[in-house]
N, C-alpha and C. Protein backbone atom coordinates (compact mmCIF):
# COMPACT_ATOMS: atom_id res chain seq x y z
N MET A 1 -23.49 -61.34 10.65
CA MET A 1 -24.26 -61.00 9.48
C MET A 1 -23.32 -60.41 8.45
N SER A 2 -23.29 -60.92 7.27
CA SER A 2 -22.41 -60.41 6.23
C SER A 2 -23.01 -59.16 5.62
N ALA A 3 -22.16 -58.39 4.93
CA ALA A 3 -22.63 -57.15 4.32
C ALA A 3 -23.73 -57.42 3.31
N SER A 4 -23.67 -58.54 2.62
CA SER A 4 -24.67 -58.84 1.60
C SER A 4 -26.01 -59.22 2.22
N SER A 5 -26.00 -59.72 3.46
CA SER A 5 -27.25 -60.09 4.10
C SER A 5 -27.76 -59.03 5.06
N ALA A 6 -26.98 -57.96 5.25
CA ALA A 6 -27.40 -56.88 6.13
C ALA A 6 -28.52 -56.09 5.48
N PRO A 7 -29.46 -55.59 6.27
CA PRO A 7 -30.53 -54.79 5.70
C PRO A 7 -29.95 -53.52 5.07
N ASN A 8 -30.51 -53.10 3.97
CA ASN A 8 -30.02 -51.93 3.26
C ASN A 8 -30.87 -50.73 3.65
N ASN A 9 -30.34 -49.87 4.54
CA ASN A 9 -31.06 -48.70 5.00
C ASN A 9 -30.69 -47.45 4.23
N ARG A 10 -29.92 -47.58 3.17
CA ARG A 10 -29.48 -46.42 2.40
C ARG A 10 -30.64 -45.84 1.60
N LYS A 11 -30.57 -44.52 1.42
CA LYS A 11 -31.59 -43.83 0.64
C LYS A 11 -31.27 -43.86 -0.85
N SER A 12 -30.01 -44.16 -1.22
CA SER A 12 -29.64 -44.20 -2.63
C SER A 12 -28.94 -45.52 -2.96
N GLN A 13 -28.87 -45.83 -4.23
CA GLN A 13 -28.28 -47.08 -4.72
C GLN A 13 -26.81 -47.18 -4.35
N ARG A 14 -26.38 -48.36 -3.96
CA ARG A 14 -25.00 -48.63 -3.58
C ARG A 14 -24.26 -49.26 -4.75
N VAL A 15 -22.99 -48.89 -4.91
CA VAL A 15 -22.11 -49.50 -5.90
C VAL A 15 -21.06 -50.29 -5.14
N ASP A 16 -20.96 -51.60 -5.42
CA ASP A 16 -19.95 -52.45 -4.78
C ASP A 16 -18.70 -52.52 -5.65
N PHE A 17 -17.55 -52.45 -5.02
CA PHE A 17 -16.26 -52.59 -5.70
C PHE A 17 -15.66 -53.92 -5.26
N SER A 18 -15.72 -54.93 -6.11
CA SER A 18 -15.32 -56.29 -5.72
C SER A 18 -13.87 -56.35 -5.23
N ARG A 19 -12.98 -55.61 -5.82
CA ARG A 19 -11.58 -55.62 -5.39
C ARG A 19 -11.25 -54.46 -4.48
N GLY A 20 -12.18 -53.54 -4.34
CA GLY A 20 -11.93 -52.35 -3.53
C GLY A 20 -11.14 -51.31 -4.32
N VAL A 21 -11.21 -50.10 -3.85
CA VAL A 21 -10.51 -48.97 -4.47
C VAL A 21 -9.62 -48.36 -3.41
N ASP A 22 -8.32 -48.19 -3.72
CA ASP A 22 -7.39 -47.60 -2.76
C ASP A 22 -7.71 -46.12 -2.57
N VAL A 23 -7.92 -45.71 -1.31
CA VAL A 23 -8.21 -44.33 -0.95
C VAL A 23 -7.48 -44.01 0.34
N GLN A 24 -7.54 -42.76 0.77
CA GLN A 24 -6.99 -42.36 2.07
C GLN A 24 -8.02 -41.51 2.79
N ILE A 25 -7.99 -41.58 4.11
CA ILE A 25 -8.73 -40.62 4.92
C ILE A 25 -7.71 -39.75 5.62
N VAL A 26 -8.02 -38.46 5.73
CA VAL A 26 -7.08 -37.48 6.27
C VAL A 26 -7.83 -36.56 7.22
N ALA A 27 -7.24 -36.27 8.36
CA ALA A 27 -7.83 -35.35 9.33
C ALA A 27 -8.05 -33.99 8.68
N ILE A 28 -9.09 -33.30 9.09
CA ILE A 28 -9.39 -31.96 8.59
C ILE A 28 -8.18 -31.05 8.77
N ASP A 29 -7.48 -31.18 9.91
CA ASP A 29 -6.31 -30.33 10.17
C ASP A 29 -5.00 -30.94 9.68
N GLY A 30 -5.07 -32.12 9.03
CA GLY A 30 -3.88 -32.74 8.46
C GLY A 30 -2.98 -33.46 9.45
N THR A 31 -3.43 -33.66 10.69
CA THR A 31 -2.56 -34.26 11.72
C THR A 31 -2.45 -35.77 11.62
N TRP A 32 -3.33 -36.44 10.88
CA TRP A 32 -3.24 -37.89 10.72
C TRP A 32 -3.83 -38.29 9.37
N PHE A 33 -3.45 -39.48 8.92
CA PHE A 33 -4.05 -40.07 7.73
C PHE A 33 -4.02 -41.58 7.86
N ARG A 34 -4.88 -42.25 7.13
CA ARG A 34 -4.90 -43.71 7.08
C ARG A 34 -5.14 -44.15 5.64
N ASP A 35 -4.42 -45.17 5.21
CA ASP A 35 -4.71 -45.81 3.93
C ASP A 35 -5.93 -46.70 4.12
N CYS A 36 -6.79 -46.73 3.12
CA CYS A 36 -8.02 -47.50 3.19
C CYS A 36 -8.32 -48.13 1.84
N ARG A 37 -9.29 -49.01 1.87
CA ARG A 37 -9.84 -49.62 0.66
C ARG A 37 -11.34 -49.40 0.70
N MET A 38 -11.88 -48.66 -0.28
CA MET A 38 -13.31 -48.42 -0.36
C MET A 38 -13.96 -49.62 -1.03
N THR A 39 -14.90 -50.26 -0.31
CA THR A 39 -15.53 -51.47 -0.83
C THR A 39 -16.92 -51.23 -1.39
N ASP A 40 -17.56 -50.15 -1.00
CA ASP A 40 -18.80 -49.75 -1.65
C ASP A 40 -19.05 -48.27 -1.40
N ALA A 41 -19.92 -47.68 -2.22
CA ALA A 41 -20.24 -46.25 -2.10
C ALA A 41 -21.64 -46.00 -2.62
N SER A 42 -22.23 -44.95 -2.11
CA SER A 42 -23.52 -44.46 -2.59
C SER A 42 -23.43 -42.94 -2.61
N ASN A 43 -24.50 -42.29 -3.00
CA ASN A 43 -24.50 -40.82 -2.99
C ASN A 43 -24.30 -40.26 -1.59
N GLY A 44 -24.71 -41.03 -0.58
CA GLY A 44 -24.66 -40.53 0.79
C GLY A 44 -23.47 -40.93 1.62
N GLY A 45 -22.71 -41.96 1.17
CA GLY A 45 -21.58 -42.40 1.98
C GLY A 45 -20.86 -43.58 1.38
N ALA A 46 -19.99 -44.20 2.20
CA ALA A 46 -19.17 -45.31 1.71
C ALA A 46 -18.77 -46.22 2.86
N LYS A 47 -18.34 -47.43 2.51
CA LYS A 47 -17.78 -48.38 3.48
C LYS A 47 -16.31 -48.54 3.14
N LEU A 48 -15.47 -48.43 4.19
CA LEU A 48 -14.02 -48.49 4.02
C LEU A 48 -13.42 -49.55 4.93
N ASN A 49 -12.40 -50.24 4.44
CA ASN A 49 -11.55 -51.09 5.26
C ASN A 49 -10.29 -50.29 5.54
N VAL A 50 -10.02 -50.05 6.81
CA VAL A 50 -8.89 -49.21 7.22
C VAL A 50 -7.65 -50.07 7.43
N ASP A 51 -6.53 -49.66 6.83
CA ASP A 51 -5.24 -50.31 7.06
C ASP A 51 -4.69 -49.78 8.38
N GLY A 52 -4.33 -50.65 9.29
CA GLY A 52 -3.78 -50.22 10.56
C GLY A 52 -4.86 -49.89 11.56
N SER A 53 -4.49 -49.14 12.55
CA SER A 53 -5.38 -48.84 13.68
C SER A 53 -6.41 -47.77 13.34
N ILE A 54 -7.58 -47.91 13.94
CA ILE A 54 -8.59 -46.86 13.81
C ILE A 54 -8.59 -45.96 15.04
N VAL A 55 -7.70 -46.24 15.98
CA VAL A 55 -7.58 -45.41 17.18
C VAL A 55 -7.17 -44.00 16.76
N GLY A 56 -7.85 -43.02 17.32
CA GLY A 56 -7.50 -41.63 17.05
C GLY A 56 -8.25 -40.99 15.91
N LEU A 57 -9.13 -41.75 15.24
CA LEU A 57 -9.91 -41.13 14.18
C LEU A 57 -10.84 -40.10 14.77
N SER A 58 -10.97 -38.98 14.11
CA SER A 58 -11.88 -37.95 14.57
C SER A 58 -13.24 -38.13 13.90
N LYS A 59 -14.22 -37.39 14.36
CA LYS A 59 -15.59 -37.52 13.85
C LYS A 59 -15.69 -37.06 12.39
N GLU A 60 -14.95 -36.01 12.01
CA GLU A 60 -14.98 -35.51 10.63
C GLU A 60 -13.58 -35.59 10.03
N PHE A 61 -13.54 -35.88 8.72
CA PHE A 61 -12.27 -35.99 8.01
C PHE A 61 -12.54 -35.92 6.52
N PHE A 62 -11.47 -35.92 5.74
CA PHE A 62 -11.58 -35.95 4.29
C PHE A 62 -11.31 -37.35 3.79
N LEU A 63 -12.07 -37.78 2.79
CA LEU A 63 -11.83 -39.03 2.06
C LEU A 63 -11.19 -38.62 0.75
N LEU A 64 -9.91 -38.96 0.56
CA LEU A 64 -9.19 -38.62 -0.67
C LEU A 64 -9.39 -39.75 -1.67
N LEU A 65 -9.93 -39.40 -2.82
CA LEU A 65 -10.22 -40.39 -3.85
C LEU A 65 -9.16 -40.43 -4.94
N SER A 66 -8.22 -39.47 -4.92
CA SER A 66 -7.15 -39.44 -5.91
C SER A 66 -5.81 -39.25 -5.21
N THR A 67 -4.75 -39.68 -5.84
CA THR A 67 -3.42 -39.56 -5.23
C THR A 67 -2.97 -38.10 -5.13
N THR A 68 -3.52 -37.22 -5.94
CA THR A 68 -3.15 -35.80 -5.89
C THR A 68 -4.01 -35.02 -4.90
N GLY A 69 -5.08 -35.63 -4.40
CA GLY A 69 -5.98 -34.93 -3.49
C GLY A 69 -6.99 -34.06 -4.22
N ALA A 70 -6.99 -34.13 -5.55
CA ALA A 70 -7.91 -33.29 -6.34
C ALA A 70 -9.36 -33.76 -6.21
N ALA A 71 -9.58 -35.03 -5.95
CA ALA A 71 -10.93 -35.57 -5.78
C ALA A 71 -11.08 -36.00 -4.33
N TYR A 72 -11.98 -35.36 -3.61
CA TYR A 72 -12.16 -35.69 -2.20
C TYR A 72 -13.60 -35.39 -1.78
N ARG A 73 -13.98 -35.96 -0.65
CA ARG A 73 -15.28 -35.68 -0.03
C ARG A 73 -15.06 -35.46 1.45
N ARG A 74 -15.76 -34.49 2.00
CA ARG A 74 -15.74 -34.29 3.45
C ARG A 74 -16.71 -35.30 4.05
N CYS A 75 -16.29 -35.99 5.11
CA CYS A 75 -17.07 -37.10 5.68
C CYS A 75 -17.20 -36.96 7.18
N GLU A 76 -18.16 -37.71 7.71
CA GLU A 76 -18.24 -37.92 9.14
C GLU A 76 -18.34 -39.42 9.38
N LEU A 77 -17.76 -39.84 10.48
CA LEU A 77 -17.77 -41.25 10.85
C LEU A 77 -19.19 -41.65 11.23
N ALA A 78 -19.72 -42.69 10.58
CA ALA A 78 -21.09 -43.15 10.85
C ALA A 78 -21.10 -44.37 11.76
N TRP A 79 -20.18 -45.31 11.54
CA TRP A 79 -20.12 -46.53 12.35
C TRP A 79 -18.75 -47.16 12.23
N VAL A 80 -18.42 -48.04 13.20
CA VAL A 80 -17.16 -48.78 13.22
C VAL A 80 -17.49 -50.23 13.50
N ASN A 81 -16.86 -51.16 12.76
CA ASN A 81 -17.00 -52.60 12.99
C ASN A 81 -15.64 -53.23 12.70
N GLY A 82 -14.82 -53.36 13.73
CA GLY A 82 -13.47 -53.88 13.54
C GLY A 82 -12.63 -52.91 12.73
N ASP A 83 -12.09 -53.39 11.60
CA ASP A 83 -11.29 -52.51 10.74
C ASP A 83 -12.14 -51.87 9.64
N GLN A 84 -13.45 -52.07 9.67
CA GLN A 84 -14.35 -51.44 8.71
C GLN A 84 -15.01 -50.22 9.34
N ILE A 85 -15.15 -49.16 8.54
CA ILE A 85 -15.88 -47.99 8.99
C ILE A 85 -16.88 -47.58 7.92
N GLY A 86 -17.95 -47.00 8.36
CA GLY A 86 -18.91 -46.40 7.45
C GLY A 86 -18.76 -44.89 7.56
N VAL A 87 -18.78 -44.22 6.42
CA VAL A 87 -18.68 -42.77 6.41
C VAL A 87 -19.90 -42.18 5.72
N ARG A 88 -20.34 -41.05 6.23
CA ARG A 88 -21.46 -40.31 5.65
C ARG A 88 -20.86 -39.06 5.00
N PHE A 89 -21.19 -38.83 3.74
CA PHE A 89 -20.69 -37.65 3.06
C PHE A 89 -21.42 -36.42 3.57
N ILE A 90 -20.67 -35.36 3.84
CA ILE A 90 -21.24 -34.11 4.31
C ILE A 90 -21.39 -33.19 3.09
N SER A 91 -22.60 -32.80 2.82
CA SER A 91 -22.82 -31.90 1.67
C SER A 91 -22.55 -30.46 2.08
N ARG A 92 -22.28 -29.64 1.12
CA ARG A 92 -22.01 -28.23 1.39
C ARG A 92 -23.22 -27.55 1.99
N LYS A 93 -24.41 -28.03 1.70
CA LYS A 93 -25.64 -27.44 2.22
C LYS A 93 -25.70 -27.53 3.74
N GLN A 94 -25.03 -28.56 4.33
CA GLN A 94 -25.06 -28.75 5.78
C GLN A 94 -24.12 -27.82 6.52
N ASN A 95 -23.13 -27.26 5.82
CA ASN A 95 -22.13 -26.39 6.48
C ASN A 95 -22.66 -25.01 6.74
């Protein structure tokens, strides 16, 4: 089933990035990072294509949206499908 034909269970509108946006995911404690390409996002989360292995990813991490790290979101891993992962944004209200 392709992403376009998958049922949309999101609570908010999704924005698709046809070419993807270069981002990184980084462990909360800084012990690992992965380069990724964000292919879509909504208020609640995003879909990422991970460069390299997904082995060793932890449940929570940061999604860096800028090269300086100034724009980021705290995330939790929602699902894995090959080299694609879904992330759910963690709001400050949940902490």
